Amino acid sequence: MLNIIRADYRNPAHAEAIVSLLKIYALDPMGGGSALSDDVAKVLIDKLAAFPTAFSLLALVDNHPAGLANCFDGFSTFAAKPLINIHDIVVAPEFRGQGVAKALFAEIEVIAREKDACKLTLEVLEGNRPAQALYASLGFGDYVLDPEQGKALFWQKKL
């Protein structure tokens, strides 16, 4: 049985599931292909708990951690409304193809509507075709304000 729950960062079982699933994601080529550092793993839950706009959802299949979504509330100045950024989404390999990601997205959308959010945002790698197909099937698409100006690009500068 699949169950989606809002993680409680103070619950040791939830904390362990979040770190475990994020480690799986980090090792996957779509998550960078490198192990999550021990230093990050040790402080991650406390840092998430202290970050006021963070929330995490856990997908449990027969009470086993199967998937994770780490999300952050943001704000759209053009809509003058909140938005939700889906920062991490991962399904453990043994649970892929069973609707876990779709269930996580459905619950994120419920939360977004409760918050009167104007949109959901996420990033996806160009080479991650399975994720792109899923996201497109759920109504996600390129971020475009003016088609003549092209698609928005996601850039970063590491500090």
Protein backbone atom coordinates (compact mmCIF):
# COMPACT_ATOMS: atom_id res chain seq x y z
CA MET A 1 0.00 0.00 0.00
CA LEU A 2 1.31 3.44 -1.01
CA ASN A 3 1.01 6.25 1.51
CA ILE A 4 2.28 9.85 1.15
CA ILE A 5 3.06 11.66 4.40
CA ARG A 6 4.45 15.05 5.31
CA ALA A 7 7.76 14.32 7.00
CA ASP A 8 8.31 15.42 10.58
CA TYR A 9 11.96 16.44 10.79
CA ARG A 10 11.94 15.61 14.55
CA ASN A 11 10.83 12.03 13.90
CA PRO A 12 13.98 9.84 13.77
CA ALA A 13 12.40 7.38 11.31
CA HIS A 14 11.42 10.21 8.96
CA ALA A 15 14.86 11.80 9.29
CA GLU A 16 16.57 8.51 8.50
CA ALA A 17 14.31 7.96 5.47
CA ILE A 18 15.01 11.44 4.09
CA VAL A 19 18.78 11.04 4.37
CA SER A 20 18.69 7.49 3.01
CA LEU A 21 16.64 8.45 -0.05
CA LEU A 22 18.72 11.56 -0.68
CA LYS A 23 21.85 9.38 -0.62
CA ILE A 24 20.28 7.18 -3.31
CA TYR A 25 19.50 10.28 -5.38
CA ALA A 26 23.01 11.71 -4.99
CA LEU A 27 24.58 8.48 -6.25
CA ASP A 28 22.32 8.36 -9.33
CA PRO A 29 23.75 10.04 -12.45
CA MET A 30 20.69 12.34 -12.43
CA GLY A 31 21.64 13.44 -8.91
CA GLY A 32 25.26 14.07 -9.74
CA GLY A 33 26.65 10.55 -9.32
CA SER A 34 28.60 11.33 -6.14
CA ALA A 35 27.93 10.22 -2.59
CA LEU A 36 26.28 12.67 -0.22
CA SER A 37 29.05 13.74 2.13
CA ASP A 38 28.95 12.54 5.72
CA ASP A 39 29.11 16.17 6.85
CA VAL A 40 25.97 17.04 4.88
CA ALA A 41 24.17 13.87 6.00
CA LYS A 42 24.84 14.74 9.65
CA VAL A 43 23.37 18.25 9.50
CA LEU A 44 20.79 17.99 6.75
CA ILE A 45 17.72 17.32 8.89
CA ASP A 46 18.53 20.04 11.43
CA LYS A 47 19.14 22.52 8.60
CA LEU A 48 15.88 21.59 6.86
CA ALA A 49 13.98 21.88 10.16
CA ALA A 50 15.46 25.34 10.72
CA PHE A 51 14.64 26.53 7.19
CA PRO A 52 11.19 28.11 7.51
CA THR A 53 9.94 27.43 3.97
CA ALA A 54 11.10 23.81 3.70
CA PHE A 55 8.82 20.80 3.70
CA SER A 56 9.42 17.20 2.72
CA LEU A 57 7.07 14.44 1.65
CA LEU A 58 7.81 10.76 2.06
CA ALA A 59 6.25 8.02 -0.03
CA LEU A 60 5.92 4.81 1.94
CA VAL A 61 5.12 1.48 0.33
CA ASP A 62 4.03 -1.00 2.98
CA ASN A 63 5.76 1.35 5.47
CA HIS A 64 9.09 1.18 3.58
CA PRO A 65 10.57 4.50 2.35
CA ALA A 66 10.06 4.49 -1.41
CA GLY A 67 10.23 8.14 -2.46
CA LEU A 68 11.01 11.66 -1.33
CA ALA A 69 10.17 15.19 -2.37
CA ASN A 70 11.99 18.13 -0.78
CA CYS A 71 10.16 21.38 -1.47
CA PHE A 72 10.49 25.05 -0.64
CA ASP A 73 7.91 27.80 -0.59
CA GLY A 74 8.81 30.77 -2.77
CA PHE A 75 7.04 33.83 -4.10
CA SER A 76 6.10 35.03 -7.58
CA THR A 77 6.33 38.79 -7.86
CA PHE A 78 4.49 38.73 -11.21
CA ALA A 79 1.49 36.94 -9.65
CA ALA A 80 1.88 38.33 -6.11
CA LYS A 81 1.31 34.80 -4.84
CA PRO A 82 3.31 31.98 -3.32
CA LEU A 83 4.89 29.26 -5.42
CA ILE A 84 6.41 25.91 -4.53
CA ASN A 85 9.77 24.79 -5.84
CA ILE A 86 10.26 21.04 -5.96
CA HIS A 87 13.98 20.89 -5.23
CA ASP A 88 14.52 17.13 -4.95
CA ILE A 89 12.35 14.29 -6.15
CA VAL A 90 13.58 10.71 -5.89
CA VAL A 91 12.07 7.26 -6.07
CA ALA A 92 14.18 4.32 -4.89
CA PRO A 93 15.02 2.05 -7.86
CA GLU A 94 13.00 -0.91 -6.57
CA PHE A 95 9.84 1.24 -6.45
CA ARG A 96 10.13 2.94 -9.85
CA GLY A 97 7.29 2.46 -12.29
CA GLN A 98 4.72 1.95 -9.51
CA GLY A 99 3.19 5.44 -9.40
CA VAL A 100 5.26 6.70 -6.46
CA ALA A 101 6.40 9.91 -8.17
CA LYS A 102 2.89 10.66 -9.44
CA ALA A 103 1.54 10.25 -5.90
CA LEU A 104 4.21 12.62 -4.54
CA PHE A 105 3.35 15.21 -7.19
CA ALA A 106 -0.36 14.87 -6.46
CA GLU A 107 0.22 15.63 -2.77
CA ILE A 108 2.52 18.55 -3.61
CA GLU A 109 -0.27 19.98 -5.74
CA VAL A 110 -2.78 19.58 -2.89
CA ILE A 111 -0.43 21.50 -0.59
CA ALA A 112 0.16 24.15 -3.27
CA ARG A 113 -3.56 24.71 -3.70
CA GLU A 114 -4.02 24.96 0.09
CA LYS A 115 -1.34 27.69 0.09
CA ASP A 116 -2.98 29.43 -2.89
CA ALA A 117 0.26 28.99 -4.84
CA CYS A 118 0.27 30.19 -8.44
CA LYS A 119 2.65 27.53 -9.73
CA LEU A 120 5.03 24.66 -9.07
CA THR A 121 8.62 24.87 -10.30
CA LEU A 122 11.38 22.31 -10.71
CA GLU A 123 14.60 21.71 -12.58
CA VAL A 124 15.33 18.71 -14.78
CA LEU A 125 18.48 17.70 -16.62
CA GLU A 126 18.33 17.70 -20.43
CA GLY A 127 19.35 14.04 -20.52
CA ASN A 128 16.75 12.87 -18.01
CA ARG A 129 14.13 11.87 -20.58
CA PRO A 130 12.08 9.62 -18.25
CA ALA A 131 11.65 12.47 -15.74
CA GLN A 132 10.82 14.93 -18.52
CA ALA A 133 8.13 12.58 -19.85
CA LEU A 134 6.62 12.24 -16.38
CA TYR A 135 6.70 15.98 -15.72
CA ALA A 136 5.15 16.76 -19.11
CA SER A 137 2.38 14.22 -18.44
CA LEU A 138 1.65 16.10 -15.21
CA GLY A 139 1.36 19.45 -16.98
CA PHE A 140 4.88 20.85 -16.50
CA GLY A 141 6.60 22.60 -19.37
CA ASP A 142 9.23 25.12 -20.34
CA TYR A 143 9.22 28.47 -18.58
CA VAL A 144 8.55 31.05 -21.29
CA LEU A 145 7.39 34.64 -20.87
CA ASP A 146 7.76 35.76 -24.50
CA PRO A 147 8.34 33.02 -27.09
CA GLU A 148 10.52 35.40 -29.12
CA GLN A 149 12.90 35.61 -26.14
CA GLY A 150 13.12 31.83 -25.74
CA LYS A 151 13.01 29.55 -22.73
CA ALA A 152 14.27 30.50 -19.29
CA LEU A 153 17.61 28.90 -18.39
CA PHE A 154 18.59 27.70 -14.95
CA TRP A 155 22.09 28.94 -14.05
CA GLN A 156 24.18 28.71 -10.93
CA LYS A 157 27.23 30.25 -9.32
CA LYS A 158 28.75 28.16 -6.55
CA LEU A 159 29.93 29.99 -3.47
